[in-house]
Amino acid sequence: MNQESLSGWLDRQRVTEVECIVPDMTGIARGKIVPRDKYDDVEGLRLPEVVLLQTVTGNYPDDDEDYVAPVDPDMVLMPDPSTARLVPWALEPTAVLIHDCYKFDGTPVDLSPRNVLRRVLSLYRARGWEPVVAPEMEFYLVTTNPDPDLPLEPPVGRTGRSETGRQAYSVDAVNEFDPVFEDIYAYCETQELKIETLIHEVGVAQMEINFSHGDPLALADQVFLFKRIVREVAIRHSMYATFMAKPMEGEPGSAMHLHQSVVGVDGGGNLFSRPDGEPSALFLHFLGGQQHYLPKSMPFFAPYVNSYRRLTRFSAAPINVRWGYDNRTCGLRVPHSGPAARRVENRLPGVDCNPYIAIAASLAAGYLGMIEERTPTPPLATSAYGMPYELPRHLDDAIEWLRGCAPLAEVLGERFVRAYCSVKEAEYEEYARVISPWERRHLLLHV
């Protein structure tokens, strides 16, 4: 769909308002809402470039002037017509359009997560490669919780009861929330999101929905929109849906597992397999790159203090980047498949990540491995949980690891990586000022 056909589509859908949105570094939708009768007359919507640097609390890093000019300039938002969708919960016909960020000279804004992913994809295409991804999204349904000082609790289902134990893969446990998932599927169909299976995960009222494999940018867009859908549906059913990485004490965390493969841009097959069906050299180099660079990329996969609560031993989450065939204890799993479907599952990202940035970083690690011809370790046939930690344990350590990795900065954009680290440092410093209930409970009268 081009700009002219976009205008016709808006008219045919009788749209009265257009949500013009961009994802910031946290993955939050920022933008403007424009009346339909004004939209065609807008010659490039504008937002302050510094909007992309907002922390999850709405603040900005102290050194934001290192990345955005002191005069606080605007950037131009240009719609991607392929992202035009209806907003299914709006009272009047409303469209949502994801926009790209440009400077006034027409160059892409390198702080934009969508542009960062495009940058990585262009490196692949320059070598005749085309990555294919498929995200898996885990999340919790919880009771409404207006008081952030109170722990989260599972919601009440159709039977009038909350789950009292773990119900992994239980169909009946999913059916407890049939009205919720019927609306999620209906809304996803309206927005043309290609979701596949729905399962009950290990945690209490923890669910997982998988996406069909496809183009990384299109899938990042779908994940971005999917999170909005799930949160909106949950609120309409008097509950919350949370994409926190570790929302409930004593329950497993929530991940965004990412399946990755590479095909030829000329219509060639899966480049991870040789003609005889055996693993290719590119497949092994991709794995080697993931092992070498993913630990240095952790702020992209575990972007908050809470994210690292998920990455603990024996908790259905990885603690290292060992790899193995159908080995879920590893950070990198190669599922059983035929040669055409050979792929690498990156199990490190939490579902709290920005999908554009996480996909870009994961593909960047594989790209570097392929061009540097890195060799992976032998596949692991035992549990990786008993092996040493290979990942940073805290956000501040992760930021330091990322700052020291020049190859990743070259692929993702040096200015973007520095700015992203500053955003994460600002969030960490704000968190460090908070005194937790644990500290009051155990230290107040005992030390």
Protein backbone atom coordinates (compact mmCIF):
# COMPACT_ATOMS: atom_id res chain seq x y z
CA MET A 1 0.00 0.00 0.00
CA ASN A 2 1.42 3.42 -0.97
CA GLN A 3 0.45 6.84 0.36
CA GLU A 4 -2.30 7.33 -2.25
CA SER A 5 -3.88 3.95 -1.60
CA LEU A 6 -3.55 4.57 2.16
CA SER A 7 -5.78 7.62 1.81
CA GLY A 8 -8.33 5.55 -0.09
CA TRP A 9 -8.19 2.81 2.55
CA LEU A 10 -8.85 5.32 5.32
CA ASP A 11 -11.87 6.61 3.41
CA ARG A 12 -13.25 3.13 2.69
CA GLN A 13 -12.99 2.25 6.38
CA ARG A 14 -14.75 5.54 7.26
CA VAL A 15 -11.95 6.34 9.69
CA THR A 16 -12.56 9.39 11.87
CA GLU A 17 -9.21 9.45 13.71
CA VAL A 18 -5.68 8.24 13.01
CA GLU A 19 -3.31 7.14 15.78
CA CYS A 20 0.17 8.08 14.49
CA ILE A 21 2.63 6.16 16.64
CA VAL A 22 6.33 5.35 16.91
CA PRO A 23 7.98 2.93 19.36
CA ASP A 24 10.45 4.57 21.73
CA MET A 25 13.43 2.75 23.28
CA THR A 26 11.25 1.16 25.95
CA GLY A 27 8.76 -0.08 23.34
CA ILE A 28 6.05 2.36 24.45
CA ALA A 29 3.87 3.85 21.71
CA ARG A 30 4.49 7.60 21.41
CA GLY A 31 2.86 9.92 18.89
CA LYS A 32 -0.21 11.97 18.05
CA ILE A 33 -3.88 11.40 17.28
CA VAL A 34 -5.01 13.30 14.18
CA PRO A 35 -8.60 13.76 12.89
CA ARG A 36 -9.06 11.99 9.57
CA ASP A 37 -10.11 15.16 7.76
CA LYS A 38 -6.80 16.77 8.77
CA TYR A 39 -4.50 13.81 8.16
CA ASP A 40 -3.98 14.19 4.39
CA ASP A 41 -3.11 17.87 4.83
CA VAL A 42 -0.34 17.22 7.36
CA GLU A 43 3.00 17.51 5.58
CA GLY A 44 5.03 15.29 7.87
CA LEU A 45 3.97 15.05 11.48
CA ARG A 46 6.59 16.21 13.94
CA LEU A 47 7.71 15.04 17.38
CA PRO A 48 10.68 16.16 19.48
CA GLU A 49 13.56 13.78 18.80
CA VAL A 50 14.23 13.52 22.53
CA VAL A 51 10.92 11.63 22.91
CA LEU A 52 12.77 8.53 21.78
CA LEU A 53 15.03 8.84 24.85
CA GLN A 54 12.25 8.75 27.46
CA THR A 55 12.81 6.29 30.27
CA VAL A 56 10.05 3.91 31.30
CA THR A 57 9.21 6.40 34.09
CA GLY A 58 8.88 9.30 31.66
CA ASN A 59 12.17 10.97 32.56
CA TYR A 60 15.27 11.51 30.45
CA PRO A 61 18.97 10.70 30.91
CA ASP A 62 21.04 13.57 32.29
CA ASP A 63 23.28 13.53 29.22
CA ASP A 64 20.48 13.64 26.63
CA GLU A 65 22.12 16.69 25.03
CA ASP A 66 24.96 14.37 23.97
CA TYR A 67 22.50 12.71 21.57
CA VAL A 68 19.95 15.43 20.78
CA ALA A 69 20.93 19.03 19.99
CA PRO A 70 20.51 21.54 22.85
CA VAL A 71 17.79 23.33 20.90
CA ASP A 72 15.55 20.22 21.32
CA PRO A 73 14.82 19.75 17.59
CA ASP A 74 11.90 18.04 15.95
CA MET A 75 11.98 14.96 13.78
CA VAL A 76 9.59 14.20 10.94
CA LEU A 77 7.24 11.21 11.18
CA MET A 78 6.45 9.45 7.91
CA PRO A 79 3.77 6.71 7.84
CA ASP A 80 4.56 3.18 6.74
CA PRO A 81 1.36 2.40 4.80
CA SER A 82 1.91 -1.35 5.22
CA THR A 83 1.24 -0.96 8.95
CA ALA A 84 -2.25 0.58 8.56
CA ARG A 85 -4.75 -1.25 10.75
CA LEU A 86 -8.06 -0.57 12.45
CA VAL A 87 -8.18 -0.14 16.22
CA PRO A 88 -10.75 -2.80 17.18
CA TRP A 89 -11.65 -1.39 20.61
CA ALA A 90 -12.27 2.20 19.47
CA LEU A 91 -15.82 3.53 19.78
CA GLU A 92 -15.62 5.19 16.33
CA PRO A 93 -13.67 3.91 13.31
CA THR A 94 -10.03 4.60 14.19
CA ALA A 95 -6.85 3.63 12.39
CA VAL A 96 -3.39 3.07 13.82
CA LEU A 97 -0.32 3.76 11.68
CA ILE A 98 3.27 3.06 12.68
CA HIS A 99 5.54 5.87 11.53
CA ASP A 100 9.25 6.07 10.77
CA CYS A 101 11.45 8.87 12.11
CA TYR A 102 13.50 11.11 9.80
CA LYS A 103 15.55 14.26 10.04
CA PHE A 104 14.54 17.23 7.89
CA ASP A 105 17.24 16.35 5.34
CA GLY A 106 15.57 12.97 4.80
CA THR A 107 18.09 10.82 6.67
CA PRO A 108 16.72 8.24 9.15
CA VAL A 109 16.93 9.10 12.85
CA ASP A 110 19.45 6.61 14.19
CA LEU A 111 17.89 6.62 17.68
CA SER A 112 14.67 5.10 16.33
CA PRO A 113 14.34 1.39 17.22
CA ARG A 114 12.57 0.69 13.94
CA ASN A 115 15.45 2.26 12.02
CA VAL A 116 17.98 0.25 14.03
CA LEU A 117 16.28 -2.98 12.95
CA ARG A 118 16.19 -1.75 9.35
CA ARG A 119 19.93 -1.04 9.57
CA VAL A 120 20.67 -4.64 10.59
CA LEU A 121 18.40 -6.06 7.89
CA SER A 122 20.20 -3.99 5.25
CA LEU A 123 23.52 -5.59 6.28
CA TYR A 124 22.00 -9.03 5.75
CA ARG A 125 20.58 -8.10 2.35
CA ALA A 126 23.91 -6.67 1.21
CA ARG A 127 25.30 -10.21 1.51
CA GLY A 128 22.34 -11.89 -0.14
CA TRP A 129 20.85 -13.07 3.14
CA GLU A 130 17.33 -12.64 4.47
CA PRO A 131 16.64 -13.45 8.14
CA VAL A 132 13.38 -15.06 9.20
CA VAL A 133 12.07 -14.90 12.78
CA ALA A 134 9.18 -16.19 14.87
CA PRO A 135 8.58 -14.76 18.38
CA GLU A 136 6.89 -16.58 21.25
CA MET A 137 5.15 -14.26 23.74
CA GLU A 138 4.61 -15.22 27.38
CA PHE A 139 2.52 -13.09 29.75
CA TYR A 140 0.51 -13.27 32.96
CA LEU A 141 -3.12 -12.49 33.62
CA VAL A 142 -3.53 -10.96 37.09
CA THR A 143 -6.20 -9.27 39.15
CA THR A 144 -6.40 -5.51 38.86
CA ASN A 145 -3.72 -3.99 41.05
CA PRO A 146 -3.99 -0.22 41.53
CA ASP A 147 -1.60 -0.32 44.52
CA PRO A 148 1.95 -1.09 43.30
CA ASP A 149 3.03 -1.92 46.89
CA LEU A 150 0.82 -5.03 46.91
CA PRO A 151 1.89 -8.34 45.32
CA LEU A 152 0.10 -9.51 42.19
CA GLU A 153 -2.50 -12.27 42.37
CA PRO A 154 -4.03 -14.57 39.71
CA PRO A 155 -7.45 -13.53 38.39
CA VAL A 156 -10.75 -15.31 38.84
CA GLY A 157 -11.82 -17.47 35.89
CA ARG A 158 -15.19 -18.65 34.60
CA THR A 159 -15.63 -21.05 37.54
CA GLY A 160 -15.39 -18.18 40.01
CA ARG A 161 -12.06 -19.43 41.36
CA SER A 162 -8.43 -18.48 40.94
CA GLU A 163 -5.76 -21.00 40.02
CA THR A 164 -4.21 -22.53 43.14
CA GLY A 165 -1.36 -24.39 41.46
CA ARG A 166 0.59 -24.60 38.25
CA GLN A 167 -1.32 -25.85 35.22
CA ALA A 168 1.30 -26.15 32.47
CA TYR A 169 -0.25 -27.05 29.10
CA SER A 170 -3.69 -27.48 30.66
CA VAL A 171 -6.42 -26.83 28.11
CA ASP A 172 -9.06 -26.51 30.80
CA ALA A 173 -6.99 -23.85 32.56
CA VAL A 174 -6.88 -21.83 29.33
CA ASN A 175 -10.64 -22.32 28.90
CA GLU A 176 -11.12 -20.61 32.27
CA PHE A 177 -10.38 -17.40 30.38
CA ASP A 178 -12.17 -18.19 27.11
CA PRO A 179 -13.90 -14.79 26.87
CA VAL A 180 -10.51 -13.07 27.16
CA PHE A 181 -8.88 -15.15 24.45
CA GLU A 182 -11.86 -14.95 22.12
CA ASP A 183 -11.47 -11.17 22.17
CA ILE A 184 -7.68 -11.39 21.78
CA TYR A 185 -8.06 -13.60 18.70
CA ALA A 186 -10.79 -11.36 17.26
CA TYR A 187 -8.72 -8.22 17.78
CA CYS A 188 -5.63 -9.90 16.33
CA GLU A 189 -7.63 -10.92 13.26
CA THR A 190 -8.82 -7.33 12.82
CA GLN A 191 -5.23 -6.10 13.00
CA GLU A 192 -3.96 -8.95 10.78
CA LEU A 193 -1.56 -10.35 13.37
CA LYS A 194 -0.46 -13.84 12.41
CA ILE A 195 -0.70 -15.67 15.71
CA GLU A 196 -0.73 -19.44 15.94
CA THR A 197 -0.82 -21.62 19.06
CA LEU A 198 -2.07 -20.67 22.50
CA ILE A 199 -0.91 -22.60 25.57
CA HIS A 200 -0.98 -22.31 29.33
CA GLU A 201 2.60 -21.86 30.49
CA VAL A 202 4.17 -23.07 33.75
CA GLY A 203 3.21 -20.13 35.98
CA VAL A 204 -0.17 -19.53 37.59
CA ALA A 205 -2.35 -17.85 34.91
CA GLN A 206 0.73 -17.54 32.67
CA MET A 207 -0.04 -17.86 28.96
CA GLU A 208 1.95 -18.07 25.73
CA ILE A 209 0.94 -17.14 22.19
CA ASN A 210 3.23 -17.92 19.24
CA PHE A 211 3.56 -15.99 15.99
CA SER A 212 4.02 -17.40 12.49
CA HIS A 213 7.55 -17.02 11.11
CA GLY A 214 8.21 -14.15 8.74
CA ASP A 215 10.00 -10.87 8.02
CA PRO A 216 11.68 -9.46 11.17
CA LEU A 217 10.37 -5.90 10.76
CA ALA A 218 6.82 -7.09 10.15
CA LEU A 219 7.01 -9.40 13.18
CA ALA A 220 8.39 -6.62 15.40
CA ASP A 221 5.43 -4.47 14.32
CA GLN A 222 3.05 -7.30 15.18
CA VAL A 223 4.55 -7.84 18.63
CA PHE A 224 4.41 -4.08 19.28
CA LEU A 225 0.69 -4.04 18.40
CA PHE A 226 -0.01 -7.37 20.13
CA LYS A 227 1.04 -6.05 23.53
CA ARG A 228 -1.43 -3.19 23.20
CA ILE A 229 -4.20 -5.62 22.25
CA VAL A 230 -3.63 -7.99 25.17
CA ARG A 231 -3.47 -5.21 27.75
CA GLU A 232 -6.62 -3.59 26.35
CA VAL A 233 -8.59 -6.86 26.28
CA ALA A 234 -7.57 -7.73 29.83
CA ILE A 235 -8.76 -4.34 31.14
CA ARG A 236 -12.09 -4.85 29.38
CA HIS A 237 -12.44 -8.11 31.34
CA SER A 238 -11.61 -6.44 34.66
CA MET A 239 -8.09 -7.82 34.95
CA TYR A 240 -4.56 -6.85 33.95
CA ALA A 241 -2.20 -8.51 31.50
CA THR A 242 1.46 -7.94 32.32
CA PHE A 243 4.55 -8.34 30.18
CA MET A 244 6.92 -7.86 33.11
CA ALA A 245 9.75 -10.37 32.97
CA LYS A 246 9.23 -11.49 36.59
CA PRO A 247 5.91 -10.19 37.90
CA MET A 248 5.18 -12.72 40.67
CA GLU A 249 7.40 -14.03 43.44
CA GLY A 250 7.81 -17.79 43.31
CA GLU A 251 6.55 -18.08 39.73
CA PRO A 252 8.59 -18.42 36.51
CA GLY A 253 9.41 -15.36 34.48
CA SER A 254 8.00 -14.50 31.06
CA ALA A 255 10.16 -14.66 27.93
CA MET A 256 10.01 -13.66 24.30
CA HIS A 257 11.77 -16.68 22.78
CA LEU A 258 12.95 -15.85 19.28
CA HIS A 259 13.30 -18.46 16.52
CA GLN A 260 15.78 -17.40 13.83
CA SER A 261 16.88 -18.70 10.45
CA VAL A 262 18.40 -17.21 7.29
CA VAL A 263 17.34 -17.78 3.67
CA GLY A 264 18.74 -16.50 0.39
CA VAL A 265 17.26 -13.28 -0.99
CA ASP A 266 17.18 -14.84 -4.45
CA GLY A 267 14.58 -17.36 -3.34
CA GLY A 268 17.13 -19.84 -2.09
CA GLY A 269 16.30 -22.20 0.74
CA ASN A 270 17.39 -22.24 4.34
CA LEU A 271 21.07 -21.30 4.43
CA PHE A 272 21.44 -23.10 7.75
CA SER A 273 21.26 -26.43 5.86
CA ARG A 274 23.56 -27.89 3.21
CA PRO A 275 22.10 -29.56 0.10
CA ASP A 276 22.62 -32.94 1.79
CA GLY A 277 20.50 -31.80 4.76
CA GLU A 278 23.35 -31.47 7.23
CA PRO A 279 24.03 -28.23 9.20
CA SER A 280 25.87 -25.64 7.12
CA ALA A 281 28.94 -23.63 8.04
CA LEU A 282 26.76 -20.51 8.19
CA PHE A 283 24.54 -22.22 10.77
CA LEU A 284 27.52 -22.97 13.01
CA HIS A 285 28.98 -19.49 12.55
CA PHE A 286 25.59 -17.95 13.41
CA LEU A 287 25.56 -20.00 16.61
CA GLY A 288 29.15 -18.95 17.34
CA GLY A 289 28.19 -15.30 16.97
CA GLN A 290 25.21 -15.74 19.27
CA GLN A 291 27.40 -17.33 21.93
CA HIS A 292 30.01 -14.59 21.70
CA TYR A 293 27.85 -11.47 21.41
CA LEU A 294 24.56 -12.21 23.19
CA PRO A 295 26.05 -11.90 26.70
CA LYS A 296 27.32 -8.44 25.69
CA SER A 297 23.84 -7.56 24.35
CA MET A 298 21.87 -8.29 27.52
CA PRO A 299 20.51 -4.75 28.10
CA PHE A 300 18.55 -5.28 24.88
CA PHE A 301 17.09 -8.60 26.07
CA ALA A 302 16.83 -7.83 29.79
CA PRO A 303 16.27 -4.06 29.85
CA TYR A 304 15.13 -3.50 33.47
CA VAL A 305 16.20 -4.35 37.00
CA ASN A 306 13.25 -6.74 37.19
CA SER A 307 14.45 -8.58 34.07
CA TYR A 308 17.37 -10.18 35.89
CA ARG A 309 15.08 -11.79 38.47
CA ARG A 310 13.96 -14.10 35.66
CA LEU A 311 17.46 -15.26 34.68
CA THR A 312 18.15 -17.60 37.60
CA ARG A 313 19.17 -21.24 37.78
CA PHE A 314 16.45 -23.96 37.61
CA SER A 315 13.69 -21.45 36.77
CA ALA A 316 12.93 -22.36 33.12
CA ALA A 317 15.20 -19.49 32.04
CA PRO A 318 18.79 -19.55 30.75
CA ILE A 319 21.83 -18.58 32.77
CA ASN A 320 24.35 -19.05 29.95
CA VAL A 321 24.67 -19.33 26.16
CA ARG A 322 25.32 -23.03 25.86
CA TRP A 323 23.51 -24.60 22.89
CA GLY A 324 21.98 -27.99 22.26
CA TYR A 325 19.54 -29.92 20.15
CA ASP A 326 16.05 -29.69 21.68
CA ASN A 327 17.65 -28.67 24.99
CA ARG A 328 15.45 -26.15 26.80
CA THR A 329 17.97 -25.64 29.60
CA CYS A 330 20.31 -23.86 27.16
CA GLY A 331 20.21 -20.22 26.20
CA LEU A 332 20.32 -21.36 22.55
CA ARG A 333 18.08 -24.25 21.55
CA VAL A 334 17.99 -25.93 18.15
CA PRO A 335 14.54 -27.56 17.88
CA HIS A 336 14.10 -30.89 16.08
CA SER A 337 13.18 -30.14 12.47
CA GLY A 338 13.83 -31.03 8.88
CA PRO A 339 16.61 -29.25 6.97
CA ALA A 340 14.22 -26.62 5.55
CA ALA A 341 13.14 -25.55 9.04
CA ARG A 342 16.53 -25.62 10.78
CA ARG A 343 16.63 -22.66 13.15
CA VAL A 344 18.15 -21.26 16.34
CA GLU A 345 15.90 -20.36 19.26
CA ASN A 346 17.28 -17.51 21.35
CA ARG A 347 15.80 -18.06 24.82
CA LEU A 348 17.44 -15.04 26.48
CA PRO A 349 14.98 -12.18 25.76
CA GLY A 350 12.40 -11.35 28.38
CA VAL A 351 8.97 -10.41 27.14
CA ASP A 352 9.59 -6.95 28.62
CA CYS A 353 12.05 -6.14 25.81
CA ASN A 354 11.47 -3.76 22.93
CA PRO A 355 10.83 -6.22 20.05
CA TYR A 356 12.54 -4.06 17.42
CA ILE A 357 15.71 -3.73 19.47
CA ALA A 358 15.79 -7.33 20.71
CA ILE A 359 15.34 -8.75 17.21
CA ALA A 360 17.95 -6.35 15.82
CA ALA A 361 20.47 -7.26 18.54
CA SER A 362 19.94 -11.00 18.18
CA LEU A 363 20.31 -10.87 14.41
CA ALA A 364 23.35 -8.60 14.80
CA ALA A 365 25.04 -11.24 16.96
CA GLY A 366 24.36 -13.91 14.35
CA TYR A 367 25.50 -11.62 11.54
CA LEU A 368 28.80 -10.91 13.26
CA GLY A 369 29.31 -14.60 13.85
CA MET A 370 28.80 -15.38 10.17
CA ILE A 371 31.12 -12.68 8.83
CA GLU A 372 33.75 -13.40 11.50
CA GLU A 373 33.32 -17.17 10.99
CA ARG A 374 33.07 -17.84 14.71
CA THR A 375 33.04 -21.47 15.86
CA PRO A 376 30.51 -22.49 18.53
CA THR A 377 31.12 -24.83 21.42
CA PRO A 378 30.05 -28.49 20.97
CA PRO A 379 26.30 -29.03 21.50
CA LEU A 380 25.31 -29.78 25.08
CA ALA A 381 23.40 -33.00 25.72
CA THR A 382 23.01 -32.47 29.49
CA SER A 383 21.45 -29.75 31.64
CA ALA A 384 22.93 -26.28 31.23
CA TYR A 385 21.54 -25.25 34.61
CA GLY A 386 24.49 -26.93 36.34
CA MET A 387 27.03 -24.97 34.32
CA PRO A 388 28.46 -21.56 35.30
CA TYR A 389 26.68 -18.27 34.71
CA GLU A 390 27.79 -16.61 31.48
CA LEU A 391 25.42 -13.65 31.60
CA PRO A 392 25.58 -10.44 33.63
CA ARG A 393 23.62 -10.79 36.85
CA HIS A 394 22.47 -7.17 37.11
CA LEU A 395 21.52 -4.33 34.80
CA ASP A 396 24.47 -2.12 35.73
CA ASP A 397 26.93 -4.92 34.86
CA ALA A 398 25.08 -5.57 31.60
CA ILE A 399 25.37 -1.92 30.57
CA GLU A 400 29.11 -2.02 31.20
CA TRP A 401 29.49 -5.16 29.05
CA LEU A 402 27.54 -3.54 26.21
CA ARG A 403 29.49 -0.29 26.36
CA GLY A 404 32.71 -2.27 25.86
CA CYS A 405 31.60 -4.10 22.71
CA ALA A 406 32.68 -2.10 19.65
CA PRO A 407 31.52 -4.61 16.98
CA LEU A 408 27.92 -4.47 18.22
CA ALA A 409 28.01 -0.68 18.25
CA GLU A 410 29.25 -0.68 14.67
CA VAL A 411 26.38 -2.90 13.50
CA LEU A 412 23.58 -1.31 15.55
CA GLY A 413 24.89 2.27 15.40
CA GLU A 414 27.37 3.75 17.84
CA ARG A 415 25.18 6.74 18.74
CA PHE A 416 22.17 4.52 19.33
CA VAL A 417 24.06 2.16 21.64
CA ARG A 418 25.48 5.03 23.71
CA ALA A 419 22.05 6.65 24.00
CA TYR A 420 20.36 3.36 24.89
CA CYS A 421 22.91 2.75 27.66
CA SER A 422 22.24 6.24 29.02
CA VAL A 423 18.49 5.56 29.14
CA LYS A 424 19.08 2.29 31.00
CA GLU A 425 21.52 3.95 33.43
CA ALA A 426 18.94 6.64 34.20
CA GLU A 427 16.33 3.97 34.95
CA TYR A 428 18.75 2.01 37.13
CA GLU A 429 19.74 5.09 39.13
CA GLU A 430 16.08 5.97 39.70
CA TYR A 431 15.37 2.42 40.88
CA ALA A 432 18.39 2.50 43.23
CA ARG A 433 16.77 5.35 45.17
CA VAL A 434 13.75 3.18 46.06
CA ILE A 435 13.70 1.38 49.44
CA SER A 436 12.02 -2.01 48.98
CA PRO A 437 9.64 -3.84 51.36
CA TRP A 438 12.32 -6.55 51.77
CA GLU A 439 14.74 -3.98 53.18
CA ARG A 440 12.16 -2.65 55.65
CA ARG A 441 11.07 -6.15 56.64
CA HIS A 442 14.51 -7.59 57.33
CA LEU A 443 16.71 -4.61 58.14
CA LEU A 444 14.52 -2.08 59.91
CA LEU A 445 14.68 -3.66 63.38
CA HIS A 446 17.34 -6.36 63.00
CA VAL A 447 20.60 -4.72 61.97
